[in-house]
C-alpha atoms as a PDB file:
ATOM      1  CA  UNK A   1       0.000   0.000   0.000  1.00  0.00           C
ATOM      2  CA  UNK A   2       1.321   3.415  -0.903  1.00  0.00           C
ATOM      3  CA  UNK A   3       2.845   5.475   1.882  1.00  0.00           C
ATOM      4  CA  UNK A   4       2.344   8.732  -0.006  1.00  0.00           C
ATOM      5  CA  UNK A   5       0.123  11.181   1.916  1.00  0.00           C
ATOM      6  CA  UNK A   6      -3.375  11.892   0.725  1.00  0.00           C
ATOM      7  CA  UNK A   7      -5.147  15.120   1.713  1.00  0.00           C
ATOM      8  CA  UNK A   8      -8.499  15.064   3.420  1.00  0.00           C
ATOM      9  CA  UNK A   9     -10.802  18.082   3.106  1.00  0.00           C
ATOM     10  CA  UNK A  10     -10.477  20.528   5.939  1.00  0.00           C
ATOM     11  CA  UNK A  11     -13.124  20.701   8.592  1.00  0.00           C
ATOM     12  CA  UNK A  12     -15.350  23.768   8.830  1.00  0.00           C
ATOM     13  CA  UNK A  13     -13.597  24.711  12.057  1.00  0.00           C
ATOM     14  CA  UNK A  14     -10.405  25.683  10.202  1.00  0.00           C
ATOM     15  CA  UNK A  15     -10.016  29.431  10.298  1.00  0.00           C
ATOM     16  CA  UNK A  16      -7.985  32.236   8.795  1.00  0.00           C
ATOM     17  CA  UNK A  17      -7.399  35.505  10.611  1.00  0.00           C
ATOM     18  CA  UNK A  18      -5.465  38.631   9.775  1.00  0.00           C
ATOM     19  CA  UNK A  19      -2.524  38.823  12.139  1.00  0.00           C
ATOM     20  CA  UNK A  20      -2.642  41.898  14.307  1.00  0.00           C
ATOM     21  CA  UNK A  21      -6.113  42.913  13.116  1.00  0.00           C
ATOM     22  CA  UNK A  22      -6.828  44.558  16.461  1.00  0.00           C
ATOM     23  CA  UNK A  23      -3.451  46.293  16.602  1.00  0.00           C
ATOM     24  CA  UNK A  24      -2.204  49.512  15.085  1.00  0.00           C
ATOM     25  CA  UNK A  25       1.052  48.015  13.825  1.00  0.00           C
ATOM     26  CA  UNK A  26       0.875  48.373  10.029  1.00  0.00           C
ATOM     27  CA  UNK A  27       3.500  45.711   9.386  1.00  0.00           C
ATOM     28  CA  UNK A  28       1.617  42.952  11.174  1.00  0.00           C
ATOM     29  CA  UNK A  29      -1.629  44.049   9.559  1.00  0.00           C
ATOM     30  CA  UNK A  30      -0.093  43.118   6.197  1.00  0.00           C
ATOM     31  CA  UNK A  31       0.526  39.539   7.340  1.00  0.00           C
ATOM     32  CA  UNK A  32      -2.089  36.848   6.897  1.00  0.00           C
ATOM     33  CA  UNK A  33      -2.105  34.188   9.609  1.00  0.00           C
ATOM     34  CA  UNK A  34      -3.725  30.803   9.999  1.00  0.00           C
ATOM     35  CA  UNK A  35      -3.287  29.065  13.328  1.00  0.00           C
ATOM     36  CA  UNK A  36      -5.498  26.055  12.987  1.00  0.00           C
ATOM     37  CA  UNK A  37      -5.571  22.313  12.286  1.00  0.00           C
ATOM     38  CA  UNK A  38      -6.280  20.285   9.197  1.00  0.00           C
ATOM     39  CA  UNK A  39      -7.021  16.609   8.830  1.00  0.00           C
ATOM     40  CA  UNK A  40      -4.703  14.701   6.493  1.00  0.00           C
ATOM     41  CA  UNK A  41      -4.212  11.054   5.645  1.00  0.00           C
ATOM     42  CA  UNK A  42      -1.045   9.003   5.204  1.00  0.00           C
ATOM     43  CA  UNK A  43       0.364   5.562   6.027  1.00  0.00           C
ATOM     44  CA  UNK A  44       2.781   5.658   8.994  1.00  0.00           C
ATOM     45  CA  UNK A  45       6.088   3.859   8.618  1.00  0.00           C
ATOM     46  CA  UNK A  46       5.377   1.671  11.619  1.00  0.00           C
ATOM     47  CA  UNK A  47       1.684   1.247  10.868  1.00  0.00           C
ATOM     48  CA  UNK A  48      -0.169  -1.245   8.685  1.00  0.00           C
ATOM     49  CA  UNK A  49      -2.785   1.002   7.118  1.00  0.00           C
ATOM     50  CA  UNK A  50      -3.528   4.638   6.299  1.00  0.00           C
ATOM     51  CA  UNK A  51      -4.329   6.896   9.241  1.00  0.00           C
ATOM     52  CA  UNK A  52      -6.025  10.235   9.534  1.00  0.00           C
ATOM     53  CA  UNK A  53      -4.506  12.850  11.797  1.00  0.00           C
ATOM     54  CA  UNK A  54      -5.327  16.437  12.688  1.00  0.00           C
ATOM     55  CA  UNK A  55      -2.141  18.389  12.027  1.00  0.00           C
ATOM     56  CA  UNK A  56      -1.891  21.559  14.109  1.00  0.00           C
ATOM     57  CA  UNK A  57      -0.152  24.274  12.145  1.00  0.00           C
ATOM     58  CA  UNK A  58       0.803  27.931  11.927  1.00  0.00           C
ATOM     59  CA  UNK A  59       0.942  29.562   8.485  1.00  0.00           C
ATOM     60  CA  UNK A  60       1.819  33.229   8.532  1.00  0.00           C
ATOM     61  CA  UNK A  61       3.396  35.911   6.401  1.00  0.00           C
ATOM     62  CA  UNK A  62       2.800  37.997   3.311  1.00  0.00           C
ATOM     63  CA  UNK A  63      -0.317  36.842   1.425  1.00  0.00           C
ATOM     64  CA  UNK A  64       0.476  34.933  -1.783  1.00  0.00           C
ATOM     65  CA  UNK A  65       4.199  34.876  -0.953  1.00  0.00           C
ATOM     66  CA  UNK A  66       6.314  31.695  -1.326  1.00  0.00           C
ATOM     67  CA  UNK A  67       6.015  29.364   1.656  1.00  0.00           C
ATOM     68  CA  UNK A  68       8.995  28.357   3.793  1.00  0.00           C
ATOM     69  CA  UNK A  69       8.603  25.434   6.216  1.00  0.00           C
ATOM     70  CA  UNK A  70      10.403  26.012   9.528  1.00  0.00           C
ATOM     71  CA  UNK A  71      10.743  23.180  12.064  1.00  0.00           C
ATOM     72  CA  UNK A  72      12.814  22.963  15.246  1.00  0.00           C
ATOM     73  CA  UNK A  73      13.784  20.355  17.805  1.00  0.00           C
ATOM     74  CA  UNK A  74      11.476  17.884  19.508  1.00  0.00           C
ATOM     75  CA  UNK A  75      10.444  20.440  22.126  1.00  0.00           C
ATOM     76  CA  UNK A  76       9.614  23.124  19.538  1.00  0.00           C
ATOM     77  CA  UNK A  77       5.977  23.848  18.728  1.00  0.00           C
ATOM     78  CA  UNK A  78       4.284  25.315  15.654  1.00  0.00           C
ATOM     79  CA  UNK A  79       4.690  28.744  17.288  1.00  0.00           C
ATOM     80  CA  UNK A  80       7.975  29.592  15.642  1.00  0.00           C
ATOM     81  CA  UNK A  81       6.947  33.249  15.884  1.00  0.00           C
ATOM     82  CA  UNK A  82       4.252  35.168  17.751  1.00  0.00           C
ATOM     83  CA  UNK A  83       2.801  38.156  15.882  1.00  0.00           C
ATOM     84  CA  UNK A  84       0.555  39.192  18.756  1.00  0.00           C
ATOM     85  CA  UNK A  85       2.443  41.458  21.156  1.00  0.00           C
ATOM     86  CA  UNK A  86       0.556  39.925  24.089  1.00  0.00           C
ATOM     87  CA  UNK A  87       1.441  36.332  23.218  1.00  0.00           C
ATOM     88  CA  UNK A  88       4.488  34.453  24.447  1.00  0.00           C
ATOM     89  CA  UNK A  89       7.415  34.766  22.078  1.00  0.00           C
ATOM     90  CA  UNK A  90       7.917  32.083  19.473  1.00  0.00           C
ATOM     91  CA  UNK A  91      10.875  29.744  19.783  1.00  0.00           C
ATOM     92  CA  UNK A  92      12.695  31.486  16.849  1.00  0.00           C
ATOM     93  CA  UNK A  93      11.296  34.976  17.367  1.00  0.00           C
ATOM     94  CA  UNK A  94      14.618  36.680  16.554  1.00  0.00           C
ATOM     95  CA  UNK A  95      14.868  34.960  13.172  1.00  0.00           C
ATOM     96  CA  UNK A  96      11.317  34.902  11.783  1.00  0.00           C
ATOM     97  CA  UNK A  97       9.432  38.172  11.295  1.00  0.00           C
ATOM     98  CA  UNK A  98       8.986  41.216   9.111  1.00  0.00           C
ATOM     99  CA  UNK A  99      12.440  42.399   8.034  1.00  0.00           C
ATOM    100  CA  UNK A 100      14.203  39.518   9.810  1.00  0.00           C
ATOM    101  CA  UNK A 101      16.300  36.769   8.143  1.00  0.00           C
ATOM    102  CA  UNK A 102      13.188  34.696   7.412  1.00  0.00           C
ATOM    103  CA  UNK A 103      11.313  37.778   6.258  1.00  0.00           C
ATOM    104  CA  UNK A 104       7.537  37.605   6.635  1.00  0.00           C
ATOM    105  CA  UNK A 105       7.257  40.506   4.199  1.00  0.00           C
ATOM    106  CA  UNK A 106       8.702  38.173   1.537  1.00  0.00           C
ATOM    107  CA  UNK A 107       7.662  34.680   2.645  1.00  0.00           C
ATOM    108  CA  UNK A 108       4.927  32.788   4.451  1.00  0.00           C
ATOM    109  CA  UNK A 109       6.205  30.473   7.165  1.00  0.00           C
ATOM    110  CA  UNK A 110       4.532  27.110   7.769  1.00  0.00           C
ATOM    111  CA  UNK A 111       5.219  25.143  10.945  1.00  0.00           C
ATOM    112  CA  UNK A 112       3.477  22.230  12.668  1.00  0.00           C
ATOM    113  CA  UNK A 113       3.303  20.645  16.085  1.00  0.00           C
ATOM    114  CA  UNK A 114       5.091  17.310  15.813  1.00  0.00           C
ATOM    115  CA  UNK A 115       2.755  14.357  15.577  1.00  0.00           C
ATOM    116  CA  UNK A 116       3.166  11.451  18.010  1.00  0.00           C
ATOM    117  CA  UNK A 117       1.770   7.896  18.195  1.00  0.00           C
ATOM    118  CA  UNK A 118      -1.118   9.081  20.383  1.00  0.00           C
ATOM    119  CA  UNK A 119      -2.343  11.072  17.365  1.00  0.00           C
ATOM    120  CA  UNK A 120      -2.492   7.932  15.212  1.00  0.00           C
ATOM    121  CA  UNK A 121      -4.620   4.863  15.850  1.00  0.00           C
ATOM    122  CA  UNK A 122      -2.750   1.575  16.180  1.00  0.00           C
ATOM    123  CA  UNK A 123       0.750   3.056  15.863  1.00  0.00           C
ATOM    124  CA  UNK A 124       3.423   2.523  18.521  1.00  0.00           C
ATOM    125  CA  UNK A 125       6.274   4.594  17.084  1.00  0.00           C
ATOM    126  CA  UNK A 126       6.652   7.711  14.961  1.00  0.00           C
ATOM    127  CA  UNK A 127       9.313   8.379  12.338  1.00  0.00           C
ATOM    128  CA  UNK A 128      10.849  11.410  10.698  1.00  0.00           C
ATOM    129  CA  UNK A 129       9.260  10.097   7.482  1.00  0.00           C
ATOM    130  CA  UNK A 130       5.842  10.340   9.148  1.00  0.00           C
ATOM    131  CA  UNK A 131       6.483  13.980  10.032  1.00  0.00           C
ATOM    132  CA  UNK A 132       7.549  14.613   6.432  1.00  0.00           C
ATOM    133  CA  UNK A 133       4.469  12.880   5.016  1.00  0.00           C
ATOM    134  CA  UNK A 134       2.153  14.803   7.331  1.00  0.00           C
ATOM    135  CA  UNK A 135       3.779  18.067   6.242  1.00  0.00           C
ATOM    136  CA  UNK A 136       3.563  17.122   2.562  1.00  0.00           C
ATOM    137  CA  UNK A 137      -0.118  16.259   2.939  1.00  0.00           C
ATOM    138  CA  UNK A 138      -0.699  19.569   4.693  1.00  0.00           C
ATOM    139  CA  UNK A 139       1.133  21.467   1.940  1.00  0.00           C
ATOM    140  CA  UNK A 140      -1.097  19.847  -0.660  1.00  0.00           C
ATOM    141  CA  UNK A 141      -4.259  20.381   1.363  1.00  0.00           C
ATOM    142  CA  UNK A 142      -3.479  24.080   1.826  1.00  0.00           C
ATOM    143  CA  UNK A 143      -3.016  24.445  -1.921  1.00  0.00           C
ATOM    144  CA  UNK A 144       0.640  25.456  -1.639  1.00  0.00           C
ATOM    145  CA  UNK A 145       1.879  22.890  -4.126  1.00  0.00           C
ATOM    146  CA  UNK A 146       5.599  23.556  -3.763  1.00  0.00           C
ATOM    147  CA  UNK A 147       7.443  25.196  -0.872  1.00  0.00           C
ATOM    148  CA  UNK A 148      10.307  27.588  -1.531  1.00  0.00           C
ATOM    149  CA  UNK A 149      12.463  26.049   1.212  1.00  0.00           C
ATOM    150  CA  UNK A 150      12.460  23.808   4.257  1.00  0.00           C
ATOM    151  CA  UNK A 151      14.519  25.161   7.170  1.00  0.00           C
ATOM    152  CA  UNK A 152      15.035  22.436   9.767  1.00  0.00           C
ATOM    153  CA  UNK A 153      16.985  22.569  13.002  1.00  0.00           C
ATOM    154  CA  UNK A 154      17.929  19.484  15.027  1.00  0.00           C
ATOM    155  CA  UNK A 155      15.004  17.029  14.680  1.00  0.00           C
ATOM    156  CA  UNK A 156      13.539  19.482  12.187  1.00  0.00           C
ATOM    157  CA  UNK A 157      16.586  18.930   9.948  1.00  0.00           C
ATOM    158  CA  UNK A 158      15.895  15.198  10.058  1.00  0.00           C
ATOM    159  CA  UNK A 159      12.284  15.746   9.005  1.00  0.00           C
ATOM    160  CA  UNK A 160      13.490  18.116   6.273  1.00  0.00           C
ATOM    161  CA  UNK A 161      15.787  15.461   4.814  1.00  0.00           C
ATOM    162  CA  UNK A 162      12.972  12.920   4.893  1.00  0.00           C
ATOM    163  CA  UNK A 163      10.700  15.454   3.169  1.00  0.00           C
ATOM    164  CA  UNK A 164      13.291  16.081   0.443  1.00  0.00           C
ATOM    165  CA  UNK A 165      13.825  12.367  -0.155  1.00  0.00           C
ATOM    166  CA  UNK A 166      10.125  11.452  -0.242  1.00  0.00           C
ATOM    167  CA  UNK A 167       8.574  14.549  -1.811  1.00  0.00           C
ATOM    168  CA  UNK A 168      11.236  16.028  -4.115  1.00  0.00           C
ATOM    169  CA  UNK A 169       8.789  17.862  -6.371  1.00  0.00           C
ATOM    170  CA  UNK A 170       7.248  19.707  -3.419  1.00  0.00           C
ATOM    171  CA  UNK A 171      10.507  21.372  -2.347  1.00  0.00           C
ATOM    172  CA  UNK A 172      12.813  24.062  -3.716  1.00  0.00           C
ATOM    173  CA  UNK A 173      15.770  23.952  -1.331  1.00  0.00           C
ATOM    174  CA  UNK A 174      16.965  22.749   2.075  1.00  0.00           C
ATOM    175  CA  UNK A 175      18.545  24.595   4.990  1.00  0.00           C
ATOM    176  CA  UNK A 176      19.736  22.156   7.663  1.00  0.00           C
ATOM    177  CA  UNK A 177      21.043  23.304  11.044  1.00  0.00           C
ATOM    178  CA  UNK A 178      22.598  20.848  13.510  1.00  0.00           C
ATOM    179  CA  UNK A 179      20.973  17.817  11.929  1.00  0.00           C
ATOM    180  CA  UNK A 180      22.145  14.961   9.710  1.00  0.00           C
ATOM    181  CA  UNK A 181      20.956  11.885   7.828  1.00  0.00           C
ATOM    182  CA  UNK A 182      21.334   9.628  10.841  1.00  0.00           C
ATOM    183  CA  UNK A 183      21.887   9.987  14.591  1.00  0.00           C
ATOM    184  CA  UNK A 184      25.390   9.569  15.944  1.00  0.00           C
ATOM    185  CA  UNK A 185      25.637   6.360  18.052  1.00  0.00           C
ATOM    186  CA  UNK A 186      26.996   8.261  21.060  1.00  0.00           C
ATOM    187  CA  UNK A 187      24.045  10.667  20.921  1.00  0.00           C
ATOM    188  CA  UNK A 188      21.712   7.662  20.685  1.00  0.00           C
ATOM    189  CA  UNK A 189      23.386   6.220  23.778  1.00  0.00           C
ATOM    190  CA  UNK A 190      22.799   9.448  25.688  1.00  0.00           C
ATOM    191  CA  UNK A 191      19.136   9.628  24.657  1.00  0.00           C
ATOM    192  CA  UNK A 192      18.678   5.948  25.509  1.00  0.00           C
ATOM    193  CA  UNK A 193      19.790   6.662  29.069  1.00  0.00           C
ATOM    194  CA  UNK A 194      17.338   9.575  29.237  1.00  0.00           C
ATOM    195  CA  UNK A 195      14.479   7.336  28.096  1.00  0.00           C
ATOM    196  CA  UNK A 196      15.546   4.706  30.601  1.00  0.00           C
ATOM    197  CA  UNK A 197      15.326   7.261  33.400  1.00  0.00           C
ATOM    198  CA  UNK A 198      11.808   8.216  32.315  1.00  0.00           C
ATOM    199  CA  UNK A 199      10.636   4.596  32.058  1.00  0.00           C
ATOM    200  CA  UNK A 200      12.056   3.891  35.509  1.00  0.00           C
ATOM    201  CA  UNK A 201      10.093   6.884  36.786  1.00  0.00           C
ATOM    202  CA  UNK A 202       6.926   5.516  35.179  1.00  0.00           C
ATOM    203  CA  UNK A 203       7.407   2.127  36.825  1.00  0.00           C
ATOM    204  CA  UNK A 204       7.994   3.671  40.264  1.00  0.00           C
ATOM    205  CA  UNK A 205       5.183   6.214  40.124  1.00  0.00           C
ATOM    206  CA  UNK A 206       7.458   9.232  39.659  1.00  0.00           C
ATOM    207  CA  UNK A 207       7.127  10.059  35.949  1.00  0.00           C
ATOM    208  CA  UNK A 208       7.397  13.837  36.264  1.00  0.00           C
ATOM    209  CA  UNK A 209      10.433  13.702  38.511  1.00  0.00           C
ATOM    210  CA  UNK A 210      12.067  11.306  36.063  1.00  0.00           C
ATOM    211  CA  UNK A 211      11.229  13.502  33.087  1.00  0.00           C
ATOM    212  CA  UNK A 212      12.790  16.489  34.847  1.00  0.00           C
ATOM    213  CA  UNK A 213      15.938  14.473  35.550  1.00  0.00           C
ATOM    214  CA  UNK A 214      16.112  13.263  31.941  1.00  0.00           C
ATOM    215  CA  UNK A 215      15.841  16.862  30.768  1.00  0.00           C
ATOM    216  CA  UNK A 216      18.680  17.858  33.095  1.00  0.00           C
ATOM    217  CA  UNK A 217      20.853  15.169  31.555  1.00  0.00           C
ATOM    218  CA  UNK A 218      19.836  16.324  28.072  1.00  0.00           C
ATOM    219  CA  UNK A 219      20.917  19.883  28.862  1.00  0.00           C
ATOM    220  CA  UNK A 220      24.474  18.635  29.400  1.00  0.00           C
ATOM    221  CA  UNK A 221      24.468  17.415  25.782  1.00  0.00           C
ATOM    222  CA  UNK A 222      22.773  20.454  24.228  1.00  0.00           C
ATOM    223  CA  UNK A 223      25.296  23.008  25.425  1.00  0.00           C
ATOM    224  CA  UNK A 224      29.049  23.173  24.908  1.00  0.00           C
ATOM    225  CA  UNK A 225      31.824  22.626  27.419  1.00  0.00           C
ATOM    226  CA  UNK A 226      33.073  26.181  26.965  1.00  0.00           C
ATOM    227  CA  UNK A 227      29.759  27.679  28.035  1.00  0.00           C
ATOM    228  CA  UNK A 228      29.580  25.512  31.159  1.00  0.00           C
ATOM    229  CA  UNK A 229      33.152  26.360  32.139  1.00  0.00           C
ATOM    230  CA  UNK A 230      32.413  30.070  31.757  1.00  0.00           C
ATOM    231  CA  UNK A 231      29.074  30.135  33.610  1.00  0.00           C
ATOM    232  CA  UNK A 232      29.499  27.715  36.491  1.00  0.00           C
ATOM    233  CA  UNK A 233      32.901  28.311  38.058  1.00  0.00           C
ATOM    234  CA  UNK A 234      31.701  29.616  41.432  1.00  0.00           C
ATOM    235  CA  UNK A 235      32.363  27.620  44.585  1.00  0.00           C
ATOM    236  CA  UNK A 236      29.652  25.281  45.887  1.00  0.00           C
ATOM    237  CA  UNK A 237      27.370  26.431  48.698  1.00  0.00           C
ATOM    238  CA  UNK A 238      26.330  24.333  51.677  1.00  0.00           C
ATOM    239  CA  UNK A 239      22.512  24.350  51.634  1.00  0.00           C
ATOM    240  CA  UNK A 240      19.835  22.001  52.931  1.00  0.00           C
ATOM    241  CA  UNK A 241      22.346  19.686  54.536  1.00  0.00           C
ATOM    242  CA  UNK A 242      24.679  19.251  51.544  1.00  0.00           C
ATOM    243  CA  UNK A 243      26.925  21.080  49.131  1.00  0.00           C
ATOM    244  CA  UNK A 244      25.127  22.423  46.077  1.00  0.00           C
ATOM    245  CA  UNK A 245      27.052  23.320  42.939  1.00  0.00           C
ATOM    246  CA  UNK A 246      26.069  26.344  40.823  1.00  0.00           C
ATOM    247  CA  UNK A 247      25.274  24.176  37.794  1.00  0.00           C
ATOM    248  CA  UNK A 248      22.667  22.231  39.796  1.00  0.00           C
ATOM    249  CA  UNK A 249      20.337  25.213  40.133  1.00  0.00           C
ATOM    250  CA  UNK A 250      20.497  25.780  36.379  1.00  0.00           C
ATOM    251  CA  UNK A 251      19.771  22.136  35.587  1.00  0.00           C
ATOM    252  CA  UNK A 252      16.930  21.834  38.092  1.00  0.00           C
ATOM    253  CA  UNK A 253      15.275  24.948  36.687  1.00  0.00           C
ATOM    254  CA  UNK A 254      15.547  23.503  33.180  1.00  0.00           C
ATOM    255  CA  UNK A 255      13.974  20.259  34.351  1.00  0.00           C
ATOM    256  CA  UNK A 256      11.064  21.967  36.105  1.00  0.00           C
ATOM    257  CA  UNK A 257      10.365  24.230  33.132  1.00  0.00           C
ATOM    258  CA  UNK A 258      10.319  21.278  30.755  1.00  0.00           C
ATOM    259  CA  UNK A 259       7.856  19.276  32.830  1.00  0.00           C
ATOM    260  CA  UNK A 260       5.474  22.243  32.884  1.00  0.00           C
ATOM    261  CA  UNK A 261       5.088  22.163  29.092  1.00  0.00           C
ATOM    262  CA  UNK A 262       5.845  18.580  28.050  1.00  0.00           C
ATOM    263  CA  UNK A 263       4.428  15.177  28.903  1.00  0.00           C
ATOM    264  CA  UNK A 264       6.203  11.871  29.385  1.00  0.00           C
ATOM    265  CA  UNK A 265       4.785   9.901  26.464  1.00  0.00           C
ATOM    266  CA  UNK A 266       5.450  12.715  24.000  1.00  0.00           C
ATOM    267  CA  UNK A 267       9.057  12.937  25.139  1.00  0.00           C
ATOM    268  CA  UNK A 268       9.582   9.175  24.839  1.00  0.00           C
ATOM    269  CA  UNK A 269       8.069   9.021  21.358  1.00  0.00           C
ATOM    270  CA  UNK A 270       9.958  11.968  19.874  1.00  0.00           C
ATOM    271  CA  UNK A 271      13.257  11.066  21.523  1.00  0.00           C
ATOM    272  CA  UNK A 272      12.955   7.571  20.061  1.00  0.00           C
ATOM    273  CA  UNK A 273      12.017   9.036  16.681  1.00  0.00           C
ATOM    274  CA  UNK A 274      15.361  10.829  16.530  1.00  0.00           C
ATOM    275  CA  UNK A 275      17.176   7.525  16.941  1.00  0.00           C
ATOM    276  CA  UNK A 276      14.984   5.750  14.364  1.00  0.00           C
ATOM    277  CA  UNK A 277      15.877   8.371  11.763  1.00  0.00           C
ATOM    278  CA  UNK A 278      17.758   7.121   8.702  1.00  0.00           C
ATOM    279  CA  UNK A 279      17.684   8.874   5.320  1.00  0.00           C
ATOM    280  CA  UNK A 280      19.858   7.910   2.357  1.00  0.00           C
ATOM    281  CA  UNK A 281      21.552  11.176   1.298  1.00  0.00           C
ATOM    282  CA  UNK A 282      21.895  10.032  -2.305  1.00  0.00           C
ATOM    283  CA  UNK A 283      18.094  10.247  -2.587  1.00  0.00           C
ATOM    284  CA  UNK A 284      18.103  13.996  -1.837  1.00  0.00           C
ATOM    285  CA  UNK A 285      18.464  16.156  -4.937  1.00  0.00           C
ATOM    286  CA  UNK A 286      17.385  19.562  -3.615  1.00  0.00           C
ATOM    287  CA  UNK A 287      20.115  22.200  -3.227  1.00  0.00           C
ATOM    288  CA  UNK A 288      21.139  22.259   0.415  1.00  0.00           C
ATOM    289  CA  UNK A 289      22.850  24.583   2.857  1.00  0.00           C
ATOM    290  CA  UNK A 290      24.217  22.746   5.906  1.00  0.00           C
ATOM    291  CA  UNK A 291      25.129  24.662   9.056  1.00  0.00           C
ATOM    292  CA  UNK A 292      27.130  23.017  11.805  1.00  0.00           C
ATOM    293  CA  UNK A 293      28.891  23.930  15.025  1.00  0.00           C
ATOM    294  CA  UNK A 294      32.208  22.401  16.143  1.00  0.00           C
ATOM    295  CA  UNK A 295      31.072  22.464  19.789  1.00  0.00           C
ATOM    296  CA  UNK A 296      27.960  20.380  18.978  1.00  0.00           C
ATOM    297  CA  UNK A 297      28.364  17.063  20.768  1.00  0.00           C
ATOM    298  CA  UNK A 298      25.132  15.588  19.414  1.00  0.00           C
ATOM    299  CA  UNK A 299      25.709  16.198  15.704  1.00  0.00           C
ATOM    300  CA  UNK A 300      29.462  16.198  15.078  1.00  0.00           C
ATOM    301  CA  UNK A 301      30.839  18.018  12.051  1.00  0.00           C
ATOM    302  CA  UNK A 302      32.107  14.715  10.664  1.00  0.00           C
ATOM    303  CA  UNK A 303      28.494  13.627  10.156  1.00  0.00           C
ATOM    304  CA  UNK A 304      27.676  16.854   8.315  1.00  0.00           C
ATOM    305  CA  UNK A 305      30.785  16.453   6.153  1.00  0.00           C
ATOM    306  CA  UNK A 306      29.630  12.955   5.232  1.00  0.00           C
ATOM    307  CA  UNK A 307      26.134  14.250   4.511  1.00  0.00           C
ATOM    308  CA  UNK A 308      27.479  17.027   2.283  1.00  0.00           C
ATOM    309  CA  UNK A 309      29.645  14.551   0.374  1.00  0.00           C
ATOM    310  CA  UNK A 310      26.829  12.071  -0.206  1.00  0.00           C
ATOM    311  CA  UNK A 311      23.940  14.379  -1.076  1.00  0.00           C
ATOM    312  CA  UNK A 312      22.875  13.984  -4.701  1.00  0.00           C
ATOM    313  CA  UNK A 313      22.171  17.689  -5.121  1.00  0.00           C
ATOM    314  CA  UNK A 314      24.584  20.608  -4.655  1.00  0.00           C
ATOM    315  CA  UNK A 315      25.413  21.300  -1.025  1.00  0.00           C
ATOM    316  CA  UNK A 316      27.472  23.804   0.946  1.00  0.00           C
ATOM    317  CA  UNK A 317      28.588  23.409   4.546  1.00  0.00           C
ATOM    318  CA  UNK A 318      28.847  26.499   6.747  1.00  0.00           C
ATOM    319  CA  UNK A 319      30.741  26.120  10.027  1.00  0.00           C
ATOM    320  CA  UNK A 320      30.144  28.526  12.911  1.00  0.00           C
ATOM    321  CA  UNK A 321      32.345  28.494  15.988  1.00  0.00           C
ATOM    322  CA  UNK A 322      30.153  28.857  19.076  1.00  0.00           C
ATOM    323  CA  UNK A 323      30.347  28.023  22.782  1.00  0.00           C
ATOM    324  CA  UNK A 324      26.686  26.957  22.772  1.00  0.00           C
ATOM    325  CA  UNK A 325      26.997  23.473  21.298  1.00  0.00           C
ATOM    326  CA  UNK A 326      23.888  21.943  19.733  1.00  0.00           C
ATOM    327  CA  UNK A 327      21.789  24.889  20.934  1.00  0.00           C
ATOM    328  CA  UNK A 328      23.814  27.344  18.860  1.00  0.00           C
ATOM    329  CA  UNK A 329      20.998  27.435  16.298  1.00  0.00           C
ATOM    330  CA  UNK A 330      18.864  29.030  19.039  1.00  0.00           C
ATOM    331  CA  UNK A 331      21.560  31.290  20.485  1.00  0.00           C
ATOM    332  CA  UNK A 332      23.615  32.549  17.528  1.00  0.00           C
ATOM    333  CA  UNK A 333      20.778  34.268  15.697  1.00  0.00           C
ATOM    334  CA  UNK A 334      22.809  37.341  14.674  1.00  0.00           C
ATOM    335  CA  UNK A 335      25.513  35.220  13.092  1.00  0.00           C
ATOM    336  CA  UNK A 336      23.025  32.920  11.407  1.00  0.00           C
ATOM    337  CA  UNK A 337      21.141  35.830   9.851  1.00  0.00           C
ATOM    338  CA  UNK A 338      23.333  36.349   6.754  1.00  0.00           C
ATOM    339  CA  UNK A 339      23.572  32.619   6.128  1.00  0.00           C
ATOM    340  CA  UNK A 340      19.806  32.208   6.217  1.00  0.00           C
ATOM    341  CA  UNK A 341      19.201  35.221   3.979  1.00  0.00           C
ATOM    342  CA  UNK A 342      21.674  33.893   1.429  1.00  0.00           C
ATOM    343  CA  UNK A 343      20.237  30.379   1.567  1.00  0.00           C
ATOM    344  CA  UNK A 344      16.714  31.654   0.891  1.00  0.00           C
ATOM    345  CA  UNK A 345      17.667  34.077  -1.890  1.00  0.00           C
END
């Protein structure tokens, strides 16, 4: 049975609003925004039959402009940018917007909430191919036809590669940040330990505490050694009957914040999906810009060099020195700006 996505007509509840309609800002009034959901149909990689799923998406920018898909890591939502001044900032607010590197005066940005097995009946695991097929079905259902570019960071880069391999005629170009065609075995080992912590917490009735601890461990892989050595050099303090090190407060805050916005099953499914990812680069013909960071311990530059060498289409590799490790795509927005503008031109 074909695994190609098939669109399903949108429900009457789908809506389109003019971003900033109640505001005086003339720039945002020019931007059309849909923040809605649309039902699409495709066959999951680890399923036996076609499934329907409601894909939650944000589509915003200049009306009738070329569409650019933007997807982040597993904890990123569809809210890549917030155009309402009263809303919480999007996860890439400094990059996406009117006059910014991903210029909403020139493009429309499309982003989805990642789908997980709970969204699909009879499916126990989700793949990067499933994310790509859901996006391709959404693109067709929205009448876009072909997207100008797919910008993917981390897990988003994996989904972008899967999209390019499976739906080549729906894509103009790729921009891949801190993501490759396969996970590095050491990164898989680290994520496996995180999932083991969470499953142990589930079995002992402490799932949220375990998820917070897994997130703390993950933070030690997202950031670079240089940043940690610069930020956490103070002496430990004796508190609550033991010595506490400065880095502990940072990690515990990160764990608590993650638990407040993420659930256990979603984490397990998307973390596993990273390690199930495997795309053959020779099947990707779209022109690609790869961006990597030497301090990234999850996606080493050697993997990006291999990806660049094996891609069927033309590819350039941009290397940015940064103390922020894998999270440099979130932190180095000023330095990424010219690279993104050039890649989209």
